[in-house]
Amino acid sequence: MSTFSAIDDDSEIDQEDFTPGIEPQATWCPGCGDFGVLKALKQAMPEIGRSPDETLLVTGIGCSGKLSSYFESYGYHSIHGRSLPIARAAKLANPGLEVIAAGGDGDGYGIGGNHFMHTARENHDMTYIVFNNEIFGLTKGQTSPTSPKGHKSKTQPHGSAKDPVRPLSLSLASGASYVARTAAVNPRQAKEILVEAIEHDGFAHVDFLTQCPTWNKDAKEYVPYTDIQNDDEFDFDITDRREAADMMYEAESRLWEGEVLTGRFYHDENRLSYGEEKRDVGEMPEEPLAERYFDEDAEWERTADKLIERHT
């Protein structure tokens, strides 16, 4: 079965379909929040109705990069900070494919921060899960872009002098059309948010708080947490950018004070995705470009040829 014959195939999907036949032994540390991401993602996919053959998971470097090894689907393990451009290319070539990208806070908000900003700005139709444990875990505990000011580590032994990145606010300002935060200690909410994010037509960013018991004792387990949709203190419109921005700023500030606010922060259902915009103006074909690899009679077109025709 190919990626194309599998898409929209009406078959019953089970959570265990996303567990590799020869399941590799997870090398995450005991108590790592990454296990929670894997579990939530496996639980979300059957509800969406997508099979492993309809799904591509692109990961970066670091502890989070191992996610594609433990999740049965098409997978691509990219270099540090580059999961998004690879995911974008795959989605543009085959719009029917369900594309999910994943990376850590250092991967997504630091080394790959430029790709994060522009993928959100262009509103590519994909889901981006960022494992946010406020530390570089795989490289043994260096300060990351989300480490709180004053946090002591191997690279900042006297405490970080830098204010941390505000990932939710950055995502909204860049142009993401779905922004949410959940935590590994809240598995039910995590699954529900991943379902919404993957079903969303546009760039969906999920800041996933994942505790690192080995290298970041300060973050503990991100508990207790408050679901902002179920608390009367937080009454705001997730479709209003201004109200969403204010709520994000408050949630990010409270996290550094030890209070964890999770939930949906922004949702724009009306904005067209990048692929839809391109197809509307005739700059992308309706037929997936990737299908031409399987069609011997397909006529290949090169953008360069059209440019040459205009100038000769």
Protein backbone atom coordinates (compact mmCIF):
# COMPACT_ATOMS: atom_id res chain seq x y z
CA MET A 1 0.00 0.00 0.00
CA SER A 2 1.40 3.41 -0.95
CA THR A 3 0.93 6.78 0.69
CA PHE A 4 -1.61 7.57 -2.00
CA SER A 5 -3.73 4.42 -2.02
CA ALA A 6 -3.87 4.55 1.79
CA ILE A 7 -5.24 8.10 2.01
CA ASP A 8 -8.96 8.15 2.81
CA ASP A 9 -8.99 4.35 2.93
CA ASP A 10 -12.03 3.45 5.04
CA SER A 11 -10.57 1.04 7.56
CA GLU A 12 -10.83 0.69 11.31
CA ILE A 13 -7.86 2.25 13.11
CA ASP A 14 -6.62 1.08 16.50
CA GLN A 15 -4.18 2.73 18.88
CA GLU A 16 -1.85 -0.26 18.69
CA ASP A 17 -1.51 0.23 14.93
CA PHE A 18 0.89 3.03 15.82
CA THR A 19 3.17 0.76 17.85
CA PRO A 20 6.06 -0.63 15.74
CA GLY A 21 5.87 -4.37 15.07
CA ILE A 22 9.29 -4.81 16.62
CA GLU A 23 8.94 -2.23 19.37
CA PRO A 24 12.30 -0.64 20.25
CA GLN A 25 13.14 -0.23 23.91
CA ALA A 26 12.56 3.41 24.82
CA THR A 27 15.74 5.06 26.07
CA TRP A 28 14.02 7.99 27.78
CA CYS A 29 14.80 8.25 31.48
CA PRO A 30 12.26 6.83 33.98
CA GLY A 31 9.72 9.55 34.75
CA CYS A 32 10.43 11.51 31.54
CA GLY A 33 7.48 13.48 30.20
CA ASP A 34 8.23 12.29 26.67
CA PHE A 35 6.39 9.07 27.42
CA GLY A 36 3.25 11.19 27.90
CA VAL A 37 3.60 12.75 24.44
CA LEU A 38 3.95 9.35 22.79
CA LYS A 39 0.93 7.96 24.62
CA ALA A 40 -1.25 10.98 23.83
CA LEU A 41 -0.29 10.90 20.17
CA LYS A 42 -1.05 7.19 19.85
CA GLN A 43 -4.44 7.75 21.49
CA ALA A 44 -5.25 10.74 19.27
CA MET A 45 -4.68 9.13 15.87
CA PRO A 46 -7.58 6.61 15.94
CA GLU A 47 -10.00 9.43 16.80
CA ILE A 48 -8.79 11.36 13.77
CA GLY A 49 -9.21 8.26 11.63
CA ARG A 50 -5.75 8.34 10.12
CA SER A 51 -3.69 5.19 9.62
CA PRO A 52 0.12 4.91 9.86
CA ASP A 53 0.22 4.85 6.04
CA GLU A 54 -1.50 8.25 5.94
CA THR A 55 0.80 9.85 8.50
CA LEU A 56 4.28 11.39 8.43
CA LEU A 57 6.12 12.23 11.66
CA VAL A 58 9.19 14.45 11.24
CA THR A 59 11.44 14.88 14.27
CA GLY A 60 14.58 16.82 15.12
CA ILE A 61 17.57 16.07 17.32
CA GLY A 62 17.47 15.50 21.07
CA CYS A 63 15.35 13.34 23.34
CA SER A 64 12.22 14.38 21.43
CA GLY A 65 13.81 13.20 18.18
CA LYS A 66 13.37 9.60 19.30
CA LEU A 67 9.59 9.94 19.02
CA SER A 68 9.59 8.75 15.40
CA SER A 69 11.42 5.56 16.45
CA TYR A 70 8.62 4.58 18.83
CA PHE A 71 5.70 5.64 16.61
CA GLU A 72 4.61 3.52 13.64
CA SER A 73 4.16 5.76 10.58
CA TYR A 74 6.26 7.28 7.85
CA GLY A 75 9.10 8.95 9.70
CA TYR A 76 11.95 11.34 9.04
CA HIS A 77 14.62 12.05 11.66
CA SER A 78 16.03 15.42 10.63
CA ILE A 79 18.95 17.46 11.93
CA HIS A 80 18.69 19.93 14.79
CA GLY A 81 16.06 22.62 14.27
CA ARG A 82 15.12 21.49 10.76
CA SER A 83 12.02 19.34 11.23
CA LEU A 84 9.68 22.10 10.04
CA PRO A 85 11.11 22.81 6.56
CA ILE A 86 11.13 19.08 5.82
CA ALA A 87 7.56 18.74 7.08
CA ARG A 88 6.51 21.73 4.98
CA ALA A 89 7.98 20.24 1.81
CA ALA A 90 6.25 16.91 2.42
CA LYS A 91 2.87 18.58 2.96
CA LEU A 92 3.19 20.73 -0.16
CA ALA A 93 4.15 17.72 -2.28
CA ASN A 94 1.36 15.53 -0.89
CA PRO A 95 -1.44 17.60 0.73
CA GLY A 96 -3.43 14.48 1.60
CA LEU A 97 -0.73 13.28 3.98
CA GLU A 98 -1.20 14.01 7.69
CA VAL A 99 2.03 15.76 8.65
CA ILE A 100 3.20 16.10 12.26
CA ALA A 101 6.50 17.69 13.27
CA ALA A 102 8.09 17.42 16.69
CA GLY A 103 11.09 18.87 18.48
CA GLY A 104 12.36 20.06 21.83
CA ASP A 105 12.39 23.62 23.19
CA GLY A 106 16.01 24.05 22.18
CA ASP A 107 15.26 22.54 18.78
CA GLY A 108 12.07 24.52 18.14
CA TYR A 109 12.53 27.83 19.91
CA GLY A 110 16.31 28.16 19.61
CA ILE A 111 18.17 26.48 16.77
CA GLY A 112 15.04 26.19 14.61
CA GLY A 113 13.39 29.40 15.79
CA ASN A 114 13.52 31.01 12.36
CA HIS A 115 11.71 28.04 10.79
CA PHE A 116 9.14 28.10 13.59
CA MET A 117 8.37 31.77 13.01
CA HIS A 118 8.00 31.53 9.24
CA THR A 119 6.08 28.25 9.23
CA ALA A 120 3.57 29.90 11.56
CA ARG A 121 3.52 33.07 9.45
CA GLU A 122 2.75 31.11 6.29
CA ASN A 123 0.19 28.92 8.10
CA HIS A 124 1.30 25.58 6.68
CA ASP A 125 -1.22 22.82 7.34
CA MET A 126 0.57 20.70 9.93
CA THR A 127 0.86 20.10 13.65
CA TYR A 128 3.99 21.09 15.55
CA ILE A 129 4.52 19.47 18.96
CA VAL A 130 7.27 21.09 21.02
CA PHE A 131 8.54 19.08 24.00
CA ASN A 132 9.15 21.91 26.47
CA ASN A 133 11.17 20.81 29.51
CA GLU A 134 13.10 24.09 29.89
CA ILE A 135 16.46 22.35 29.44
CA PHE A 136 18.72 20.67 26.88
CA GLY A 137 18.25 17.10 28.03
CA LEU A 138 20.10 14.80 25.63
CA THR A 139 23.28 16.90 25.83
CA LYS A 140 23.15 16.68 29.64
CA GLY A 141 21.50 19.72 31.10
CA GLN A 142 22.46 23.00 29.44
CA THR A 143 20.27 26.12 29.68
CA SER A 144 17.66 26.25 26.90
CA PRO A 145 15.63 29.14 25.42
CA THR A 146 12.77 28.46 27.85
CA SER A 147 14.91 28.08 31.02
CA PRO A 148 13.76 30.68 33.59
CA LYS A 149 15.94 33.65 34.37
CA GLY A 150 18.35 32.72 37.15
CA HIS A 151 18.30 29.03 36.26
CA LYS A 152 21.68 27.43 37.04
CA SER A 153 23.15 24.87 34.67
CA LYS A 154 26.45 23.69 33.20
CA THR A 155 26.45 26.58 30.74
CA GLN A 156 25.13 29.13 33.25
CA PRO A 157 26.66 28.11 36.62
CA HIS A 158 25.83 31.46 38.21
CA GLY A 159 22.30 31.54 36.82
CA SER A 160 20.95 32.59 33.45
CA ALA A 161 20.93 36.34 32.94
CA LYS A 162 18.50 36.07 30.02
CA ASP A 163 14.72 36.28 30.03
CA PRO A 164 13.25 33.08 28.57
CA VAL A 165 11.36 32.88 25.29
CA ARG A 166 7.58 33.18 25.55
CA PRO A 167 6.62 30.39 23.12
CA LEU A 168 2.85 30.93 23.11
CA SER A 169 3.17 34.67 22.54
CA LEU A 170 5.82 34.11 19.86
CA SER A 171 3.59 31.62 18.08
CA LEU A 172 0.60 33.97 18.01
CA ALA A 173 2.66 36.97 16.93
CA SER A 174 4.21 34.90 14.13
CA GLY A 175 0.82 33.88 12.75
CA ALA A 176 -0.09 30.40 14.02
CA SER A 177 -3.81 29.72 13.62
CA TYR A 178 -4.06 27.22 16.51
CA VAL A 179 -2.06 27.59 19.74
CA ALA A 180 -2.39 25.40 22.82
CA ARG A 181 -0.40 24.22 25.83
CA THR A 182 -0.75 20.91 27.61
CA ALA A 183 1.37 18.76 29.92
CA ALA A 184 2.49 15.16 30.18
CA VAL A 185 0.82 14.94 33.59
CA ASN A 186 -2.57 15.71 32.02
CA PRO A 187 -3.01 12.81 29.55
CA ARG A 188 -6.73 13.29 28.86
CA GLN A 189 -6.35 16.96 27.97
CA ALA A 190 -3.18 16.20 25.99
CA LYS A 191 -5.01 13.70 23.79
CA GLU A 192 -7.95 16.05 23.23
CA ILE A 193 -5.69 18.95 22.28
CA LEU A 194 -3.66 16.80 19.88
CA VAL A 195 -6.87 15.65 18.18
CA GLU A 196 -7.96 19.27 17.72
CA ALA A 197 -4.52 20.36 16.54
CA ILE A 198 -4.17 17.59 13.95
CA GLU A 199 -7.70 18.12 12.63
CA HIS A 200 -7.09 21.88 12.32
CA ASP A 201 -6.56 23.14 8.76
CA GLY A 202 -3.51 25.35 9.23
CA PHE A 203 -0.46 25.60 11.44
CA ALA A 204 -1.25 24.15 14.87
CA HIS A 205 1.34 24.68 17.60
CA VAL A 206 1.19 22.62 20.80
CA ASP A 207 3.60 23.62 23.57
CA PHE A 208 3.82 20.31 25.46
CA LEU A 209 5.28 20.64 28.97
CA THR A 210 7.41 17.54 29.55
CA GLN A 211 9.19 17.15 32.87
CA CYS A 212 12.89 16.18 32.87
CA PRO A 213 13.56 14.50 36.24
CA THR A 214 17.21 13.87 35.37
CA TRP A 215 18.49 17.29 34.29
CA ASN A 216 15.88 19.82 35.36
CA LYS A 217 14.84 19.36 38.96
CA ASP A 218 13.46 22.92 39.05
CA ALA A 219 10.57 22.10 36.69
CA LYS A 220 9.49 19.15 38.88
CA GLU A 221 6.47 17.63 37.12
CA TYR A 222 4.56 20.80 36.13
CA VAL A 223 1.95 20.21 38.81
CA PRO A 224 -0.48 21.32 40.00
CA TYR A 225 -1.93 22.49 36.70
CA THR A 226 -5.09 24.43 35.87
CA ASP A 227 -7.17 23.86 32.75
CA ILE A 228 -8.08 27.40 31.66
CA GLN A 229 -11.22 26.15 29.88
CA ASN A 230 -12.56 24.67 33.14
CA ASP A 231 -11.71 27.48 35.55
CA ASP A 232 -14.05 30.43 36.14
CA GLU A 233 -11.09 32.76 36.72
CA PHE A 234 -10.19 32.64 33.03
CA ASP A 235 -12.96 33.92 30.78
CA PHE A 236 -11.63 34.88 27.36
CA ASP A 237 -12.44 34.37 23.70
CA ILE A 238 -9.94 32.02 22.03
CA THR A 239 -10.93 33.41 18.62
CA ASP A 240 -9.96 36.96 19.63
CA ARG A 241 -6.25 37.65 19.05
CA ARG A 242 -6.03 40.42 21.66
CA GLU A 243 -7.73 38.40 24.39
CA ALA A 244 -5.66 35.35 23.47
CA ALA A 245 -2.45 37.40 23.62
CA ASP A 246 -3.27 38.68 27.10
CA MET A 247 -4.09 35.16 28.32
CA MET A 248 -0.87 33.76 26.86
CA TYR A 249 1.23 36.44 28.54
CA GLU A 250 -0.40 35.67 31.87
CA ALA A 251 0.08 31.91 31.48
CA GLU A 252 3.74 32.33 30.57
CA SER A 253 4.35 34.65 33.53
CA ARG A 254 2.61 32.36 36.00
CA LEU A 255 4.61 29.34 34.85
CA TRP A 256 7.80 30.98 36.12
CA GLU A 257 6.04 31.57 39.43
CA GLY A 258 5.17 27.88 39.74
CA GLU A 259 1.56 27.92 38.50
CA VAL A 260 0.83 25.85 35.39
CA LEU A 261 -2.00 27.01 33.10
CA THR A 262 -2.85 24.66 30.24
CA GLY A 263 -5.52 24.58 27.56
CA ARG A 264 -6.48 26.15 24.25
CA PHE A 265 -5.31 29.71 23.81
CA TYR A 266 -6.10 30.64 20.21
CA HIS A 267 -8.06 29.17 17.31
CA ASP A 268 -8.68 30.74 13.89
CA GLU A 269 -10.86 28.45 11.79
CA ASN A 270 -11.31 30.84 8.86
CA ARG A 271 -7.76 31.49 7.69
CA LEU A 272 -6.66 29.56 4.62
CA SER A 273 -3.58 27.37 4.88
CA TYR A 274 -0.51 28.07 2.76
CA GLY A 275 -1.32 25.24 0.37
CA GLU A 276 -4.91 26.43 -0.06
CA GLU A 277 -3.70 29.96 -0.78
CA LYS A 278 -1.26 28.69 -3.40
CA ARG A 279 -3.86 26.50 -5.11
CA ASP A 280 -6.37 29.37 -5.13
CA VAL A 281 -4.01 31.60 -7.11
CA GLY A 282 -2.94 28.80 -9.44
CA GLU A 283 0.64 28.48 -8.20
CA MET A 284 0.18 24.88 -7.09
CA PRO A 285 -1.58 22.06 -8.97
CA GLU A 286 -4.64 20.39 -7.51
CA GLU A 287 -3.02 17.02 -8.15
CA PRO A 288 -0.34 16.21 -5.55
CA LEU A 289 3.10 16.71 -7.03
CA ALA A 290 4.37 13.58 -5.32
CA GLU A 291 1.96 11.39 -7.30
CA ARG A 292 3.94 12.11 -10.45
CA TYR A 293 6.66 9.83 -9.15
CA PHE A 294 4.20 6.95 -9.51
CA ASP A 295 2.78 8.02 -12.89
CA GLU A 296 4.98 7.10 -15.85
CA ASP A 297 2.85 9.22 -18.21
CA ALA A 298 2.96 12.38 -16.10
CA GLU A 299 4.40 15.50 -17.74
CA TRP A 300 7.00 17.06 -15.49
CA GLU A 301 7.15 20.82 -15.24
CA ARG A 302 10.05 22.93 -14.06
CA THR A 303 9.56 26.42 -12.72
CA ALA A 304 12.83 27.39 -14.38
CA ASP A 305 11.38 26.56 -17.81
CA LYS A 306 8.51 28.98 -17.31
CA LEU A 307 10.89 31.71 -16.20
CA ILE A 308 13.04 31.16 -19.28
CA GLU A 309 9.95 31.38 -21.54
CA ARG A 310 9.04 34.77 -20.05
CA HIS A 311 12.45 36.23 -20.75
CA THR A 312 13.19 34.82 -24.20
